[in-house]
Amino acid sequence: MSDIVRTPVQANSILLGDCLEILQRFPSCVFSSVVCDPPYGLSAQPDMRDVLRHWLAGDDYEHHSSGFMGRSWDSFVPGPKIWQEVMRVLKPGGHILSFSGARTYDMMVTAMRLAGSEIRDQINVHCELEGCRDWTYGCLSEDSGLIALDGFKLGLEVNVGEQIECWNPETDEITYQPVLEKFVYDFDGQMVTIKGEGTDQLLTPNHRVYHRSAKGSSFDCTDADRLTRQVDVPTPSDSLVEATVGRQYYRGKVWCVRVSTGAFVAIRKGNSFITGNSGFPKSLNVEKALEKEIIDAIEAQGIEFTGWEEERQ
């Protein structure tokens, strides 16, 4: 640590890079508060005994499993080493407001405690039934199914751990991946229909739908009830189908699964289609909007943005 050159804090600036390396640039006790939204670690459940062995020995824990939407950066929550640096740059009596995932909150605060933090309180987000669509998992109708290793299977019948056909939106590849989680609910209300030649989808309003972007060179992911009247949706045969969006009353079971790629191949009424993974319905849209704001801020400084990896180098 002695060879690290400390730099003064510049207000209203964006620093892009590894947070541990950037935190080490700052002198101690300079920030009055820290507000952060670190990775939630929404990956396969770790062995907590192994995690604690590494953390108590002062080592980083490497979790060899991809996180939310198959992203490696979300593999695991930040360990004590990062929080120690946060505590170092925080003024005495300063507070940290950190977001975390509901099912990995315990690991997040354990790492913070090991770094010397005192947990004062927590804020839980609850919603009334009317607003629940933004927080529950988006799902498909009970007559929809998917493709397992042994062929077609209704979604209600698939089990966690089974291999199913999945689509990777980043590589446009279809591979078999295991079901990480499965969700089943009772639904009574208006569903969204997406119908076209070769596709017939019936989805809850908050289900994520992949469709061709306005630029036409990539795919966007949008809540079903926010789609325009006409959309072009991808199919497993590498073709786009022009579909019409509508509404239909539905009462019955709805289901969805979570897979590492973020999307899977579903089938309804003999037609196969690519559909969104269960998870936090708005996360991908929020991520894209935030990414655009960051890129705009970089380019406003006269810096040409050529990609995240290039900028890090």
Foldseek 3Di string as FASTA:
>chain_A
DVPAAADDDDPPDDDDADLLNVLSNHAFAADQEAEEEAQQQQWPDDDVVVCVVQQVVVHHDQQPTAHPLLHNRNNDTDALSSLLSVNGRHHVVGYYHYDYDPVRVVVNVVRNVSSPDDDDDDDDDDDDPVPCLQFFWKWFDQQKWFAFPVGTDGLVPDDFQTWTWWAAQVVRDTDTFGFHFKDKDWDWFKWKWKDFVQDTTTIHQLWWFWFQDPVRPGIDIGRLVPDDQWTWFAFNVRHTTIIGMDMDTDTGMTMFTATSRQWGWMDHPRGIGITGHIDRRCVVVVVVVVVVVVCVVCVVVVDDDDDSVVVND
